[in-house]
Protein backbone atom coordinates (compact mmCIF):
# COMPACT_ATOMS: atom_id res chain seq x y z
CA MET A 1 -20.47 -4.80 7.13
CA LYS A 2 -18.23 -3.67 4.49
CA PRO A 3 -15.53 -6.32 3.44
CA THR A 4 -12.01 -5.13 4.04
CA PHE A 5 -9.02 -4.42 2.14
CA TYR A 6 -5.26 -3.95 3.28
CA ILE A 7 -2.67 -2.82 0.88
CA THR A 8 0.92 -1.77 1.41
CA THR A 9 3.73 -0.42 -0.65
CA ALA A 10 7.49 -1.49 0.30
CA ILE A 11 8.53 1.02 2.73
CA SER A 12 11.09 3.36 1.21
CA TYR A 13 14.78 3.57 2.13
CA PRO A 14 15.31 7.35 3.07
CA ASN A 15 19.08 7.59 2.67
CA GLY A 16 18.54 9.85 -0.65
CA ALA A 17 15.82 12.01 -1.91
CA PRO A 18 12.57 10.05 -3.55
CA HIS A 19 12.83 9.08 -7.17
CA ILE A 20 10.28 8.50 -9.86
CA GLY A 21 10.73 4.67 -9.04
CA HIS A 22 9.25 5.26 -5.36
CA ALA A 23 6.68 7.28 -6.83
CA TYR A 24 5.60 4.74 -9.64
CA GLU A 25 5.12 2.03 -6.82
CA ALA A 26 3.22 4.72 -4.64
CA MET A 27 0.69 5.85 -7.44
CA ALA A 28 0.00 2.03 -8.54
CA THR A 29 -0.73 1.10 -4.98
CA ASP A 30 -2.63 4.41 -4.66
CA VAL A 31 -5.00 3.51 -7.79
CA MET A 32 -5.76 0.17 -6.16
CA ALA A 33 -6.83 1.38 -2.78
CA ARG A 34 -8.96 3.99 -4.26
CA PHE A 35 -10.32 1.54 -6.65
CA MET A 36 -11.46 -0.79 -3.84
CA ARG A 37 -12.69 2.21 -1.75
CA LEU A 38 -15.16 3.19 -4.55
CA ASP A 39 -16.16 -0.62 -5.34
CA GLY A 40 -17.42 -0.33 -1.45
CA TYR A 41 -14.49 -1.97 0.61
CA ASP A 42 -13.49 -0.72 3.75
CA VAL A 43 -9.53 -0.04 2.66
CA ARG A 44 -6.52 0.57 4.89
CA PHE A 45 -3.68 1.69 2.74
CA LEU A 46 0.05 1.83 4.20
CA THR A 47 3.17 3.45 3.11
CA GLY A 48 6.44 4.66 5.08
CA THR A 49 10.00 4.63 5.59
CA ASP A 50 12.65 2.16 6.69
CA GLU A 51 15.08 4.21 8.45
CA HIS A 52 17.67 1.77 10.19
CA GLY A 53 20.77 -0.12 8.92
CA ILE A 54 24.13 0.67 8.27
CA LYS A 55 23.65 2.41 4.72
CA MET A 56 21.85 5.23 6.86
CA LEU A 57 24.67 5.62 9.24
CA GLN A 58 27.28 5.50 6.37
CA THR A 59 25.29 8.44 4.56
CA ALA A 60 24.76 10.33 7.79
CA ARG A 61 28.61 10.05 8.54
CA LYS A 62 29.27 11.41 5.00
CA GLU A 63 26.95 14.38 5.64
CA GLY A 64 28.38 15.04 9.00
CA ILE A 65 24.99 14.58 10.81
CA THR A 66 23.56 11.90 13.07
CA ALA A 67 21.52 9.00 11.41
CA ARG A 68 18.50 10.21 13.31
CA GLU A 69 18.88 13.84 11.62
CA LEU A 70 19.05 12.05 8.22
CA ALA A 71 16.24 9.94 8.90
CA ASP A 72 13.95 12.80 10.09
CA ARG A 73 14.89 14.83 7.17
CA ASN A 74 14.40 12.26 4.51
CA SER A 75 11.44 10.86 5.85
CA ALA A 76 9.69 14.23 5.57
CA ARG A 77 10.75 14.20 1.82
CA PHE A 78 9.06 10.95 1.40
CA GLN A 79 5.69 12.35 3.45
CA GLU A 80 5.75 15.28 0.84
CA MET A 81 5.94 12.95 -1.82
CA ALA A 82 2.72 11.33 -0.78
CA LYS A 83 1.14 14.61 -0.74
CA LEU A 84 2.40 15.80 -4.13
CA LEU A 85 1.13 12.47 -5.51
CA GLY A 86 -2.22 12.87 -4.10
CA LEU A 87 -1.82 9.35 -2.36
CA SER A 88 -4.93 8.36 -0.12
CA ASN A 89 -2.94 6.39 2.37
CA ASP A 90 -4.42 5.87 5.84
CA ASP A 91 -1.32 5.74 7.62
CA PHE A 92 2.68 6.70 7.11
CA ILE A 93 4.87 4.44 9.12
CA ARG A 94 8.52 5.25 10.25
CA THR A 95 10.40 2.34 11.63
CA THR A 96 11.91 4.64 14.20
CA GLU A 97 8.67 5.19 16.03
CA GLU A 98 8.20 3.83 19.39
CA ARG A 99 5.31 1.59 18.24
CA HIS A 100 7.70 -0.27 15.73
CA ARG A 101 10.35 -0.97 18.51
CA VAL A 102 7.60 -2.67 20.67
CA SER A 103 6.15 -4.45 17.46
CA CYS A 104 9.63 -5.90 16.47
CA GLN A 105 10.79 -6.90 19.91
CA ALA A 106 7.47 -8.81 19.98
CA ILE A 107 7.86 -10.76 16.96
CA TRP A 108 11.37 -11.59 17.94
CA LYS A 109 10.29 -12.98 21.17
CA ALA A 110 7.62 -14.98 19.55
CA MET A 111 10.25 -16.41 17.11
CA GLU A 112 12.61 -17.24 20.00
CA ALA A 113 9.84 -18.68 22.12
CA ASN A 114 9.13 -20.90 19.29
CA GLY A 115 12.68 -22.11 19.20
CA ASP A 116 13.75 -20.66 15.87
CA ILE A 117 16.47 -17.93 17.23
CA TYR A 118 19.83 -19.03 18.24
CA LEU A 119 22.98 -17.49 18.94
CA ASN A 120 26.06 -18.34 16.78
CA LYS A 121 29.18 -16.68 14.68
CA TYR A 122 28.10 -15.41 11.17
CA ALA A 123 30.68 -15.62 8.32
CA GLY A 124 29.97 -14.75 4.79
CA TRP A 125 29.60 -12.49 1.93
CA TYR A 126 27.23 -9.24 2.78
CA SER A 127 25.94 -6.45 0.58
CA VAL A 128 25.78 -3.10 2.40
CA ARG A 129 23.44 -1.56 -0.52
CA ASP A 130 21.20 -4.77 -0.63
CA GLU A 131 21.37 -5.42 3.31
CA ALA A 132 21.70 -8.83 2.37
CA TYR A 133 23.70 -11.83 3.06
CA TYR A 134 24.62 -13.94 -0.17
CA ALA A 135 26.24 -17.64 -0.39
CA GLU A 136 29.74 -17.89 -2.15
CA GLU A 137 27.95 -19.43 -5.29
CA GLU A 138 25.62 -16.45 -5.53
CA THR A 139 28.67 -13.98 -6.11
CA ILE A 140 30.98 -13.40 -8.82
CA VAL A 141 34.65 -11.74 -9.01
CA SER A 142 35.32 -9.26 -11.49
CA ASP A 143 38.59 -8.95 -13.69
CA ASP A 144 39.83 -6.15 -11.15
CA GLY A 145 39.21 -8.55 -8.24
CA ILE A 146 35.93 -7.16 -6.79
CA ARG A 147 33.25 -9.28 -5.58
CA PHE A 148 29.80 -8.64 -6.48
CA GLY A 149 26.29 -10.27 -5.13
CA PRO A 150 23.35 -11.38 -7.44
CA GLN A 151 21.85 -7.66 -7.88
CA GLY A 152 25.31 -6.40 -9.17
CA THR A 153 26.35 -4.68 -5.75
CA PRO A 154 29.76 -5.20 -4.10
CA VAL A 155 29.98 -7.73 -1.17
CA GLU A 156 32.49 -7.82 1.58
CA TRP A 157 33.28 -10.52 3.81
CA VAL A 158 32.08 -10.26 7.50
CA GLU A 159 32.64 -12.24 10.52
CA GLU A 160 30.76 -11.53 13.77
CA GLU A 161 28.48 -13.10 16.25
CA SER A 162 25.06 -13.14 15.22
CA TYR A 163 21.52 -14.35 15.93
CA PHE A 164 20.21 -16.78 13.42
CA PHE A 165 16.79 -17.54 12.33
CA ARG A 166 15.93 -21.01 11.59
CA LEU A 167 14.64 -20.55 7.97
CA SER A 168 15.80 -24.29 7.05
CA ALA A 169 13.28 -25.58 8.98
CA TYR A 170 10.48 -23.64 7.04
CA GLN A 171 11.60 -24.86 3.47
CA ASP A 172 8.81 -27.34 3.32
CA LYS A 173 6.19 -25.08 4.89
CA LEU A 174 6.79 -22.48 2.14
CA LEU A 175 6.80 -24.90 -0.60
CA ALA A 176 3.43 -26.15 0.75
CA LEU A 177 2.16 -22.47 0.96
CA TYR A 178 3.05 -21.79 -2.79
CA GLU A 179 1.60 -25.16 -4.03
CA GLU A 180 -1.84 -24.48 -1.99
CA HIS A 181 -1.98 -20.77 -2.81
CA PRO A 182 -0.31 -20.31 -6.09
CA GLU A 183 -1.74 -16.57 -5.99
CA PHE A 184 0.61 -16.10 -3.25
CA ILE A 185 3.20 -14.50 -5.45
CA GLY A 186 2.51 -12.62 -8.45
CA PRO A 187 3.52 -12.16 -11.32
CA ASP A 188 3.99 -15.90 -12.30
CA GLU A 189 7.65 -15.11 -13.34
CA ARG A 190 8.59 -14.18 -9.78
CA ARG A 191 6.53 -17.09 -8.44
CA ASN A 192 8.72 -19.57 -10.50
CA GLU A 193 11.82 -17.86 -9.23
CA VAL A 194 10.91 -17.77 -5.65
CA MET A 195 10.19 -21.65 -5.71
CA SER A 196 13.40 -22.48 -7.39
CA PHE A 197 15.40 -20.76 -4.83
CA VAL A 198 13.45 -22.41 -1.94
CA ARG A 199 13.90 -25.96 -3.65
CA GLY A 200 17.45 -25.24 -3.79
CA GLY A 201 17.59 -25.48 -0.05
CA LEU A 202 17.37 -22.86 2.47
CA LYS A 203 20.05 -21.83 4.97
CA ASP A 204 19.46 -20.43 8.41
CA LEU A 205 19.60 -16.63 8.19
CA SER A 206 21.56 -14.17 10.30
CA VAL A 207 19.13 -11.86 11.99
CA SER A 208 21.28 -9.43 14.27
CA ARG A 209 24.32 -7.42 13.83
CA THR A 210 27.18 -6.12 16.49
CA THR A 211 29.26 -3.86 14.29
CA PHE A 212 26.73 -0.97 14.59
CA ASP A 213 24.01 0.30 16.77
CA TRP A 214 21.56 2.00 14.55
CA GLY A 215 18.71 -0.20 14.86
CA ILE A 216 16.13 -2.10 17.10
CA PRO A 217 17.91 -3.60 20.24
CA VAL A 218 17.73 -7.32 20.33
CA PRO A 219 15.42 -7.96 23.49
CA GLY A 220 17.71 -9.32 26.26
CA ASN A 221 21.06 -8.84 24.44
CA ASP A 222 21.33 -5.01 23.32
CA LYS A 223 24.85 -5.50 22.10
CA HIS A 224 22.99 -6.61 18.91
CA VAL A 225 20.60 -4.74 16.85
CA MET A 226 18.01 -6.64 14.24
CA TYR A 227 19.14 -7.25 11.11
CA VAL A 228 17.16 -5.01 8.88
CA TRP A 229 14.89 -7.41 7.48
CA VAL A 230 13.39 -8.56 10.64
CA ASP A 231 12.73 -4.87 11.56
CA ALA A 232 11.72 -3.49 7.91
CA LEU A 233 9.06 -6.37 7.26
CA THR A 234 7.41 -6.19 10.78
CA ASN A 235 6.31 -2.58 9.59
CA TYR A 236 3.10 -4.14 7.96
CA ILE A 237 1.88 -5.48 11.20
CA THR A 238 3.03 -2.84 13.49
CA ALA A 239 0.65 -0.33 11.66
CA LEU A 240 -2.31 -2.68 12.51
CA GLY A 241 -1.34 -2.64 16.40
CA TYR A 242 0.83 -5.92 16.66
CA PRO A 243 1.45 -7.55 19.02
CA ASP A 244 -2.08 -6.88 19.89
CA MET A 245 -3.85 -9.29 17.55
CA LYS A 246 -7.07 -8.56 19.21
CA SER A 247 -6.77 -4.90 17.97
CA GLU A 248 -9.51 -3.49 16.07
CA LEU A 249 -7.25 -2.80 12.96
CA PHE A 250 -5.44 -6.19 13.14
CA GLU A 251 -8.63 -8.26 13.39
CA LYS A 252 -10.19 -6.17 10.82
CA PHE A 253 -7.47 -5.78 8.18
CA TRP A 254 -4.63 -8.41 8.24
CA PRO A 255 -3.63 -10.40 6.07
CA ALA A 256 -2.24 -7.76 3.61
CA LEU A 257 -1.65 -7.50 -0.33
CA HIS A 258 1.94 -6.22 -0.49
CA ILE A 259 3.10 -4.16 -3.49
CA ILE A 260 6.92 -4.29 -3.80
CA GLY A 261 9.69 -4.04 -6.40
CA LYS A 262 10.73 -7.28 -7.88
CA ASP A 263 14.57 -6.91 -6.37
CA ILE A 264 12.81 -7.66 -2.94
CA VAL A 265 10.73 -10.49 -3.66
CA ARG A 266 12.65 -12.98 -1.80
CA PHE A 267 12.49 -11.04 1.34
CA HIS A 268 8.85 -10.70 1.21
CA SER A 269 7.78 -14.06 -0.09
CA VAL A 270 10.40 -16.25 1.73
CA TYR A 271 11.65 -14.64 4.88
CA TRP A 272 8.52 -12.82 5.73
CA PRO A 273 6.15 -15.31 5.76
CA ALA A 274 8.54 -17.82 7.40
CA PHE A 275 8.74 -15.22 10.23
CA LEU A 276 5.17 -14.90 10.80
CA MET A 277 4.73 -18.70 10.61
CA SER A 278 7.43 -19.00 13.46
CA ALA A 279 5.58 -16.10 15.58
CA GLY A 280 2.07 -17.42 14.94
CA VAL A 281 0.72 -14.89 12.72
CA PRO A 282 -1.13 -15.36 9.50
CA VAL A 283 0.76 -14.95 6.30
CA PRO A 284 -0.20 -12.37 4.07
CA LYS A 285 -2.58 -12.72 1.32
CA ARG A 286 -0.52 -11.94 -1.64
CA VAL A 287 2.86 -10.38 -2.52
CA TYR A 288 2.99 -8.70 -6.02
CA ALA A 289 6.18 -7.59 -7.65
CA HIS A 290 6.33 -4.83 -10.40
CA GLY A 291 9.34 -4.30 -12.68
CA PHE A 292 12.06 -1.33 -12.76
CA LEU A 293 11.65 1.93 -14.74
CA PHE A 294 14.00 2.91 -17.49
CA ASN A 295 14.67 6.02 -18.81
CA ARG A 296 14.79 5.89 -22.57
CA GLY A 297 16.00 2.38 -22.05
CA GLU A 298 18.75 3.16 -19.35
CA LYS A 299 18.58 2.08 -15.90
CA MET A 300 18.63 5.24 -13.69
CA SER A 301 21.81 6.50 -12.10
CA LYS A 302 23.32 9.28 -10.50
CA SER A 303 26.28 9.21 -12.68
CA LEU A 304 24.33 9.12 -15.97
CA GLY A 305 22.46 12.12 -14.67
CA ASN A 306 18.96 10.59 -15.43
CA VAL A 307 17.53 10.34 -12.18
CA VAL A 308 14.18 12.33 -12.16
CA GLY A 309 12.36 13.22 -9.17
CA PRO A 310 8.59 13.10 -8.86
CA GLN A 311 8.38 16.89 -8.34
CA GLU A 312 9.97 17.54 -11.64
CA MET A 313 7.68 15.10 -13.42
CA VAL A 314 4.44 16.72 -11.80
CA ASP A 315 5.74 20.21 -12.45
CA ALA A 316 6.55 19.54 -16.21
CA TYR A 317 3.26 17.76 -17.13
CA GLY A 318 0.79 17.79 -14.04
CA LEU A 319 -0.04 15.03 -11.65
CA ASP A 320 -3.03 13.34 -13.31
CA PRO A 321 -1.26 12.91 -16.54
CA VAL A 322 1.83 11.72 -14.70
CA ARG A 323 -0.17 9.07 -12.97
CA TYR A 324 -2.02 7.86 -16.01
CA PHE A 325 1.01 7.53 -18.26
CA PHE A 326 2.86 5.26 -16.07
CA LEU A 327 -0.18 3.22 -15.40
CA ARG A 328 -1.11 2.87 -18.81
CA GLU A 329 2.13 2.74 -20.62
CA VAL A 330 4.08 0.16 -18.53
CA SER A 331 2.30 -3.35 -17.88
CA PHE A 332 2.19 -3.72 -14.32
CA GLY A 333 4.66 -6.27 -13.24
CA GLN A 334 6.84 -5.85 -16.12
CA ASP A 335 9.94 -3.52 -16.59
CA GLY A 336 8.85 -0.24 -18.32
CA ASN A 337 10.44 2.80 -20.41
CA TYR A 338 9.44 6.26 -20.02
CA SER A 339 10.79 9.34 -21.95
CA HIS A 340 9.33 12.96 -22.65
CA ASP A 341 8.10 12.10 -26.24
CA ALA A 342 6.17 8.91 -24.70
CA ILE A 343 4.47 11.09 -22.10
CA VAL A 344 3.65 13.83 -24.41
CA GLY A 345 2.40 11.05 -26.88
CA ARG A 346 -0.19 9.69 -24.32
CA MET A 347 -1.37 13.22 -22.85
CA ASN A 348 -1.89 14.48 -26.37
CA SER A 349 -3.51 11.38 -28.01
CA ASP A 350 -5.45 9.75 -24.96
CA LEU A 351 -6.14 12.40 -22.74
CA ALA A 352 -6.66 15.62 -24.90
CA ASN A 353 -7.92 14.03 -27.91
CA ASN A 354 -9.70 10.77 -26.79
CA LEU A 355 -11.33 11.93 -23.73
CA GLY A 356 -10.95 15.52 -23.12
CA ASN A 357 -11.88 16.42 -26.68
CA LEU A 358 -14.98 14.28 -26.78
CA ALA A 359 -16.06 15.83 -23.34
CA GLN A 360 -15.53 19.48 -24.66
CA ARG A 361 -17.21 18.70 -27.98
CA SER A 362 -20.24 17.20 -26.66
CA LEU A 363 -20.50 19.55 -23.54
CA SER A 364 -20.04 22.81 -25.64
CA MET A 365 -22.92 21.34 -27.80
CA ILE A 366 -25.36 21.19 -25.04
CA ALA A 367 -24.36 24.48 -23.78
CA LYS A 368 -24.56 26.00 -27.20
CA ASN A 369 -27.52 24.41 -28.74
CA LEU A 370 -29.55 23.36 -25.74
CA GLY A 371 -29.41 26.28 -23.21
CA GLY A 372 -26.87 24.15 -21.06
CA VAL A 373 -29.76 21.70 -20.29
CA LEU A 374 -29.11 17.99 -20.61
CA PRO A 375 -31.78 16.77 -22.89
CA VAL A 376 -34.18 13.76 -22.08
CA PRO A 377 -33.42 11.05 -24.59
CA ALA A 378 -35.94 9.65 -27.01
CA GLU A 379 -36.13 6.04 -28.20
CA LEU A 380 -32.33 4.67 -28.23
CA THR A 381 -31.05 3.19 -31.70
CA GLU A 382 -29.08 0.09 -31.94
CA ALA A 383 -25.94 2.17 -31.99
CA ASP A 384 -26.96 4.10 -28.89
CA LYS A 385 -27.71 0.99 -27.02
CA THR A 386 -24.34 -1.03 -28.10
CA LEU A 387 -22.49 1.77 -26.89
CA LEU A 388 -24.12 2.20 -23.80
CA ALA A 389 -23.68 -1.44 -23.08
CA SER A 390 -20.05 -1.53 -23.71
CA VAL A 391 -19.32 1.06 -21.22
CA TYR A 392 -22.06 -0.53 -18.56
CA GLY A 393 -20.11 -3.74 -18.86
CA LEU A 394 -16.51 -2.32 -18.04
CA LEU A 395 -16.72 -2.71 -14.15
CA PRO A 396 -16.27 -6.50 -14.26
CA VAL A 397 -13.69 -6.12 -16.60
CA CYS A 398 -11.87 -3.61 -14.42
CA ARG A 399 -12.33 -5.41 -11.41
CA GLU A 400 -10.58 -8.59 -12.88
CA ALA A 401 -7.91 -6.54 -13.85
CA ILE A 402 -7.16 -4.83 -10.48
CA GLU A 403 -7.71 -8.32 -8.75
CA THR A 404 -4.74 -9.45 -10.62
CA GLN A 405 -2.94 -5.77 -10.17
CA GLN A 406 -2.96 -5.23 -14.01
CA ILE A 407 -3.75 -1.67 -13.86
CA HIS A 408 -2.86 -1.33 -17.54
CA GLN A 409 -5.41 -3.77 -18.73
CA MET A 410 -8.27 -1.48 -16.83
CA LEU A 411 -7.21 1.41 -18.69
CA ASN A 412 -6.85 -0.43 -21.87
CA ALA A 413 -10.44 -1.65 -21.63
CA ILE A 414 -11.87 2.05 -20.78
CA TRP A 415 -9.79 3.35 -23.69
CA ALA A 416 -11.05 0.69 -26.17
CA VAL A 417 -14.74 2.10 -25.03
CA LEU A 418 -13.68 5.75 -25.47
CA GLY A 419 -12.38 4.95 -29.11
CA ASP A 420 -15.74 3.51 -29.78
CA ALA A 421 -17.16 6.54 -28.48
CA ASN A 422 -15.33 8.82 -30.39
CA ARG A 423 -16.07 6.78 -33.56
CA TYR A 424 -20.02 6.73 -32.63
CA PHE A 425 -19.94 10.48 -31.99
CA ASP A 426 -18.02 11.16 -35.44
CA GLY A 427 -20.54 8.72 -37.30
CA GLU A 428 -23.60 10.21 -35.89
CA ALA A 429 -22.53 13.71 -36.83
CA PRO A 430 -24.79 15.76 -34.38
CA TRP A 431 -23.76 19.05 -35.53
CA THR A 432 -25.49 18.06 -39.08
CA VAL A 433 -28.42 16.10 -37.24
CA ARG A 434 -29.14 19.00 -35.19
CA LYS A 435 -30.39 20.73 -38.51
CA THR A 436 -33.06 18.54 -39.31
CA ASP A 437 -33.80 16.21 -36.13
CA GLU A 438 -33.51 18.22 -32.86
CA VAL A 439 -34.74 14.96 -30.77
CA ARG A 440 -32.46 12.67 -32.19
CA PHE A 441 -29.66 15.42 -31.76
CA GLY A 442 -30.72 15.65 -27.90
CA THR A 443 -30.49 11.70 -27.62
CA ILE A 444 -27.07 11.71 -29.24
CA MET A 445 -25.86 14.34 -26.57
CA TRP A 446 -27.46 12.44 -23.58
CA VAL A 447 -25.76 9.11 -24.73
CA THR A 448 -22.44 10.61 -24.76
CA ALA A 449 -22.74 12.56 -21.58
CA GLU A 450 -24.14 9.30 -19.69
CA LEU A 451 -20.92 7.38 -21.33
CA LEU A 452 -18.62 10.14 -20.10
CA ARG A 453 -20.38 9.94 -16.52
CA ASN A 454 -19.57 5.93 -16.30
CA VAL A 455 -16.12 6.64 -17.80
CA ALA A 456 -15.28 9.39 -15.56
CA ILE A 457 -16.60 7.29 -12.40
CA LEU A 458 -14.20 4.27 -13.49
CA ILE A 459 -11.07 6.65 -14.01
CA GLN A 460 -11.32 8.22 -10.70
CA PRO A 461 -8.79 5.98 -9.07
CA VAL A 462 -6.02 6.76 -11.48
CA MET A 463 -6.99 10.62 -12.30
CA PRO A 464 -8.82 11.60 -9.08
CA GLY A 465 -8.39 15.46 -9.68
CA SER A 466 -9.65 15.77 -13.40
CA MET A 467 -12.22 13.15 -13.03
CA GLU A 468 -13.82 15.18 -10.32
CA LYS A 469 -13.90 18.30 -12.65
CA LEU A 470 -15.44 16.16 -15.39
CA LEU A 471 -18.22 14.65 -13.07
CA ASP A 472 -18.54 18.18 -11.98
CA LEU A 473 -19.47 19.39 -15.39
CA LEU A 474 -21.91 16.46 -15.88
CA ALA A 475 -23.47 17.84 -12.56
CA VAL A 476 -23.03 14.17 -10.80
CA ALA A 477 -23.52 14.81 -7.21
CA PRO A 478 -20.56 14.00 -4.83
CA GLU A 479 -22.38 11.12 -3.25
CA ASP A 480 -23.11 9.54 -6.74
CA ARG A 481 -19.61 8.95 -7.63
CA ASP A 482 -18.97 5.36 -6.39
CA PHE A 483 -19.08 2.30 -8.44
CA SER A 484 -22.63 1.40 -7.08
CA ARG A 485 -23.70 4.26 -9.38
CA LEU A 486 -22.36 2.65 -12.33
CA GLY A 487 -24.77 1.64 -15.10
CA GLU A 488 -28.37 2.15 -16.02
CA GLY A 489 -30.02 2.20 -12.56
CA SER A 490 -28.21 5.64 -11.88
CA ALA A 491 -28.28 7.18 -15.72
CA LEU A 492 -28.20 10.81 -16.05
CA LYS A 493 -31.39 12.53 -15.82
CA GLY A 494 -32.67 14.70 -18.68
CA GLY A 495 -33.61 18.15 -17.92
CA THR A 496 -30.50 18.72 -15.38
CA ALA A 497 -28.66 22.02 -15.99
CA LEU A 498 -25.14 21.76 -16.57
CA PRO A 499 -22.38 24.14 -15.51
CA ALA A 500 -20.55 25.70 -18.41
CA PRO A 501 -17.95 23.61 -19.91
CA VAL A 502 -14.29 23.97 -19.48
CA GLY A 503 -11.44 22.24 -21.02
CA ILE A 504 -9.84 19.28 -18.74
CA PHE A 505 -6.87 18.21 -20.71
CA PRO A 506 -5.02 20.92 -22.81
CA ARG A 507 -2.67 19.57 -25.45
CA TYR A 508 0.81 19.67 -24.36
CA VAL A 509 2.68 22.37 -26.51
CA GLU A 510 6.53 22.21 -26.37
CA LYS A 511 7.84 25.21 -25.04
CA VAL A 512 9.96 27.31 -27.58
CA GLU A 513 13.19 28.59 -26.21
CA GLY A 514 14.04 32.22 -26.94
């Protein structure tokens, strides 16, 4: 039996088209899902769209269409983005699906049966954009009299009949969860923020609305629709067959690793585990929050005209370079910057020079000087052994990085070895050695090819298309490309005919207008 791994993105709000922030989270989650599959896990990877709530209704009205039409149109755009980015998701959930209505009404009834849902009046400050209620002390009033919530979004005073969830009853249970499982929230600064918030005292949470009907009806009182966070968060268990906790998927895969943006940590690490505790469902394994992306240091906004779509990025630079850039450049969990110059710098330095050039030079030499046949290595020198030991030792380093969601650290470690490999290749000078010692020349070529095989297998989660090409050039069979084939035991066999080499990462050259 394979070990199991369940990973999810936050579900995207489709009141607009996908932007690079959505793509960043999706790509990072995909890398982790692919890594775990290659490492022998049975993986379930979920993404989707969160389609209810007042923002959808308001956007649809502005466009003169129904909320359902808006949801259908824009959810399709997010599904297209998943294909564009080469995501390996096993399911795409829409909160407008019937399976989700059944699941949400079931968790509501379970929380109600536990005595945690009651009817009362709600009065407080509400942010339409955040879909969140804020206490008076969390808001500030600007000089022109507009009141804003903690995320900088405008809030309005709302009074209506509402169902409440007894969040106050879960303060001690949540603090015990964070203390007993410090890994439950990452990175550490997010965990500290959440603990501070919970220690400050939890108020009961309004969990229904009556002022609009675009949502999942509250069971037994369809004047009310569920507040978006009950609806949205439940998607993670809907996709495993909840309320049937004996379903094959649920029993196999729950609990999950949730990958989310740092602006929704509170909902995922306070409200969500409290809902699950109330409903008698195990809490998630971990909630990990990544930072925001800035375009040349500026937050993306339509008014600044610096919002970039995933399609534009992929069209400009290619899919694998885009995936590589964001996951190498930005420390996952922190805010990050991107710019055209930074992307081109990574493409030309890391991809074209360090990896592409090493592959091109060595494989071209094998084609030209050895008839395209991989040589049988002779006795290895200390330099050969040191280089191979460094690449054979990468898997535990990469595993540790992925276990803590530090994708950039995995790539840093691989590229450090690639730097050593380039220095080895230049130092050994095979173009000179060939003239006097063909056996040694062949050994240098084999060592370099074997290093490239291991590196290519490890980089597959980040750049699947490019590494497929490189592994094809090394004549590595498709069934020999998972992590169990790393290391000496599956080393390249001398005497294997290699296909004609082709470049994998061309240098990016600026287009000249004219």
